[in-house]
Amino acid sequence: LPPPGRLQLTEGEAEPAEFVLKGGAAVVGKCPEAQIRLKGMFDPAVAAIIRRLPEGYRIDPPDEGARGKTLLNGAPLNASQPLNHGDQLEVRGTLFRFHLQADPAKPDR
């Protein structure tokens, strides 16, 4: 698996303001199962699902009813996409930045 990544709140309201992605998947939304909880009145129950896979991180779109409310780097998230260091996730004005932590087992070259 890739090293842990983190989703950092940069604008808006959500809990927690910084979330370390250690497990296999994390839900962003208002539903009770969401690990990253949005606080806006009109935020979708599930805005996105972030998956940590052997080949890297991917972000999956919400269900059909919430499509168009979640943006990845300014474009609507309508299909599963790779999630890369520095990518920006936006849900109705709440902004997050994805950071991929350096792997301590791999020295810089």
C-alpha atoms as a PDB file:
ATOM      1  CA  LEU A   1       0.000   0.000   0.000  1.00  0.00           C
ATOM      2  CA  PRO A   2       1.120   3.602  -0.495  1.00  0.00           C
ATOM      3  CA  PRO A   3       2.204   5.597   2.558  1.00  0.00           C
ATOM      4  CA  PRO A   4      -0.582   7.251   4.578  1.00  0.00           C
ATOM      5  CA  GLY A   5      -2.094  10.308   2.986  1.00  0.00           C
ATOM      6  CA  ARG A   6      -3.999  13.075   4.685  1.00  0.00           C
ATOM      7  CA  LEU A   7      -6.934  15.237   3.769  1.00  0.00           C
ATOM      8  CA  GLN A   8      -6.590  18.745   5.204  1.00  0.00           C
ATOM      9  CA  LEU A   9      -9.472  21.210   5.489  1.00  0.00           C
ATOM     10  CA  THR A  10      -8.486  24.514   3.874  1.00  0.00           C
ATOM     11  CA  GLU A  11     -11.855  26.320   3.804  1.00  0.00           C
ATOM     12  CA  GLY A  12     -15.294  25.682   5.306  1.00  0.00           C
ATOM     13  CA  GLU A  13     -16.423  23.441   8.154  1.00  0.00           C
ATOM     14  CA  ALA A  14     -15.775  19.734   8.614  1.00  0.00           C
ATOM     15  CA  GLU A  15     -14.574  17.371  11.338  1.00  0.00           C
ATOM     16  CA  PRO A  16     -11.815  16.567  11.738  1.00  0.00           C
ATOM     17  CA  ALA A  17      -9.940  19.455  10.110  1.00  0.00           C
ATOM     18  CA  GLU A  18      -7.170  17.019   9.180  1.00  0.00           C
ATOM     19  CA  PHE A  19      -7.723  13.312   8.568  1.00  0.00           C
ATOM     20  CA  VAL A  20      -4.946  10.750   8.103  1.00  0.00           C
ATOM     21  CA  LEU A  21      -5.940   8.056   5.613  1.00  0.00           C
ATOM     22  CA  LYS A  22      -4.524   4.883   7.163  1.00  0.00           C
ATOM     23  CA  GLY A  23      -7.195   2.316   6.346  1.00  0.00           C
ATOM     24  CA  GLY A  24      -8.601   0.979   3.111  1.00  0.00           C
ATOM     25  CA  ALA A  25     -11.319   3.595   2.578  1.00  0.00           C
ATOM     26  CA  ALA A  26     -12.759   6.807   4.018  1.00  0.00           C
ATOM     27  CA  VAL A  27     -16.158   8.377   3.362  1.00  0.00           C
ATOM     28  CA  VAL A  28     -16.504  12.171   3.012  1.00  0.00           C
ATOM     29  CA  GLY A  29     -20.047  13.389   3.689  1.00  0.00           C
ATOM     30  CA  LYS A  30     -22.813  13.934   6.227  1.00  0.00           C
ATOM     31  CA  CYS A  31     -23.895  10.313   6.751  1.00  0.00           C
ATOM     32  CA  PRO A  32     -23.248   8.725  10.174  1.00  0.00           C
ATOM     33  CA  GLU A  33     -20.647   6.397   8.600  1.00  0.00           C
ATOM     34  CA  ALA A  34     -18.535   9.288   7.252  1.00  0.00           C
ATOM     35  CA  GLN A  35     -15.040   9.504   8.702  1.00  0.00           C
ATOM     36  CA  ILE A  36     -14.746  13.070   7.372  1.00  0.00           C
ATOM     37  CA  ARG A  37     -17.974  14.800   8.411  1.00  0.00           C
ATOM     38  CA  LEU A  38     -19.249  17.798   6.462  1.00  0.00           C
ATOM     39  CA  LYS A  39     -21.284  20.388   8.359  1.00  0.00           C
ATOM     40  CA  GLY A  40     -23.082  22.343   5.630  1.00  0.00           C
ATOM     41  CA  MET A  41     -26.876  22.225   5.574  1.00  0.00           C
ATOM     42  CA  PHE A  42     -27.024  21.135   1.927  1.00  0.00           C
ATOM     43  CA  ASP A  43     -23.971  18.858   1.867  1.00  0.00           C
ATOM     44  CA  PRO A  44     -24.597  15.363   0.454  1.00  0.00           C
ATOM     45  CA  ALA A  45     -24.762  12.268   2.664  1.00  0.00           C
ATOM     46  CA  VAL A  46     -21.836  10.831   0.689  1.00  0.00           C
ATOM     47  CA  ALA A  47     -19.745  13.389  -1.211  1.00  0.00           C
ATOM     48  CA  ALA A  48     -16.885  11.025  -2.105  1.00  0.00           C
ATOM     49  CA  ILE A  49     -15.122   7.832  -1.070  1.00  0.00           C
ATOM     50  CA  ILE A  50     -11.336   7.827  -0.887  1.00  0.00           C
ATOM     51  CA  ARG A  51      -9.721   4.423  -1.340  1.00  0.00           C
ATOM     52  CA  ARG A  52      -6.163   3.406  -0.481  1.00  0.00           C
ATOM     53  CA  LEU A  53      -5.174   0.703  -2.968  1.00  0.00           C
ATOM     54  CA  PRO A  54      -1.853  -1.037  -3.689  1.00  0.00           C
ATOM     55  CA  GLU A  55      -1.402   1.095  -6.832  1.00  0.00           C
ATOM     56  CA  GLY A  56      -2.185   4.373  -5.001  1.00  0.00           C
ATOM     57  CA  TYR A  57      -5.142   6.468  -3.884  1.00  0.00           C
ATOM     58  CA  ARG A  58      -8.401   6.790  -5.821  1.00  0.00           C
ATOM     59  CA  ILE A  59     -11.419   8.958  -5.207  1.00  0.00           C
ATOM     60  CA  ASP A  60     -14.844   7.644  -6.143  1.00  0.00           C
ATOM     61  CA  PRO A  61     -17.842   9.880  -6.869  1.00  0.00           C
ATOM     62  CA  PRO A  62     -20.996   9.998  -4.784  1.00  0.00           C
ATOM     63  CA  ASP A  63     -24.197   8.293  -5.826  1.00  0.00           C
ATOM     64  CA  GLU A  64     -26.120   9.656  -8.807  1.00  0.00           C
ATOM     65  CA  GLY A  65     -28.243  12.078  -6.761  1.00  0.00           C
ATOM     66  CA  ALA A  66     -25.209  13.968  -5.415  1.00  0.00           C
ATOM     67  CA  ARG A  67     -23.157  14.142  -8.625  1.00  0.00           C
ATOM     68  CA  GLY A  68     -22.029  17.601  -9.641  1.00  0.00           C
ATOM     69  CA  LYS A  69     -21.739  18.738  -5.988  1.00  0.00           C
ATOM     70  CA  THR A  70     -18.252  17.312  -5.551  1.00  0.00           C
ATOM     71  CA  LEU A  71     -15.317  18.756  -7.495  1.00  0.00           C
ATOM     72  CA  LEU A  72     -11.783  17.428  -7.894  1.00  0.00           C
ATOM     73  CA  ASN A  73      -9.360  20.172  -8.933  1.00  0.00           C
ATOM     74  CA  GLY A  74     -12.317  22.285 -10.085  1.00  0.00           C
ATOM     75  CA  ALA A  75     -13.927  19.616 -12.309  1.00  0.00           C
ATOM     76  CA  PRO A  76     -17.029  17.579 -11.405  1.00  0.00           C
ATOM     77  CA  LEU A  77     -16.185  14.184  -9.912  1.00  0.00           C
ATOM     78  CA  ASN A  78     -18.313  11.933 -12.141  1.00  0.00           C
ATOM     79  CA  ALA A  79     -16.068   8.849 -12.289  1.00  0.00           C
ATOM     80  CA  SER A  80     -13.378   7.225 -10.182  1.00  0.00           C
ATOM     81  CA  GLN A  81     -10.115   9.210 -10.441  1.00  0.00           C
ATOM     82  CA  PRO A  82      -6.557   8.837  -9.142  1.00  0.00           C
ATOM     83  CA  LEU A  83      -5.925  11.079  -6.134  1.00  0.00           C
ATOM     84  CA  ASN A  84      -2.510  12.730  -6.210  1.00  0.00           C
ATOM     85  CA  HIS A  85      -0.455  14.878  -3.868  1.00  0.00           C
ATOM     86  CA  GLY A  86      -1.764  18.452  -3.907  1.00  0.00           C
ATOM     87  CA  ASP A  87      -5.188  17.632  -5.370  1.00  0.00           C
ATOM     88  CA  GLN A  88      -8.084  19.765  -4.147  1.00  0.00           C
ATOM     89  CA  LEU A  89     -11.476  18.327  -3.208  1.00  0.00           C
ATOM     90  CA  GLU A  90     -14.419  20.724  -3.002  1.00  0.00           C
ATOM     91  CA  VAL A  91     -17.916  20.003  -1.732  1.00  0.00           C
ATOM     92  CA  ARG A  92     -20.268  23.008  -1.887  1.00  0.00           C
ATOM     93  CA  GLY A  93     -17.624  25.508  -0.805  1.00  0.00           C
ATOM     94  CA  THR A  94     -15.832  23.251   1.684  1.00  0.00           C
ATOM     95  CA  LEU A  95     -12.273  22.741   0.438  1.00  0.00           C
ATOM     96  CA  PHE A  96      -9.752  20.020   1.256  1.00  0.00           C
ATOM     97  CA  ARG A  97      -6.192  19.467   0.035  1.00  0.00           C
ATOM     98  CA  PHE A  98      -4.779  15.936  -0.289  1.00  0.00           C
ATOM     99  CA  HIS A  99      -1.220  15.411   0.924  1.00  0.00           C
ATOM    100  CA  LEU A 100       0.733  12.247   0.314  1.00  0.00           C
ATOM    101  CA  GLN A 101       3.211  11.711   3.115  1.00  0.00           C
ATOM    102  CA  ALA A 102       6.719  10.606   2.251  1.00  0.00           C
ATOM    103  CA  ASP A 103       7.365   6.926   2.838  1.00  0.00           C
ATOM    104  CA  PRO A 104       9.930   6.723   5.684  1.00  0.00           C
ATOM    105  CA  ALA A 105      11.037   3.296   4.406  1.00  0.00           C
ATOM    106  CA  LYS A 106      12.167   4.818   1.093  1.00  0.00           C
ATOM    107  CA  PRO A 107      15.026   7.326   1.330  1.00  0.00           C
ATOM    108  CA  ASP A 108      15.000  10.354  -0.999  1.00  0.00           C
ATOM    109  CA  ARG A 109      17.232  10.020  -4.034  1.00  0.00           C
END
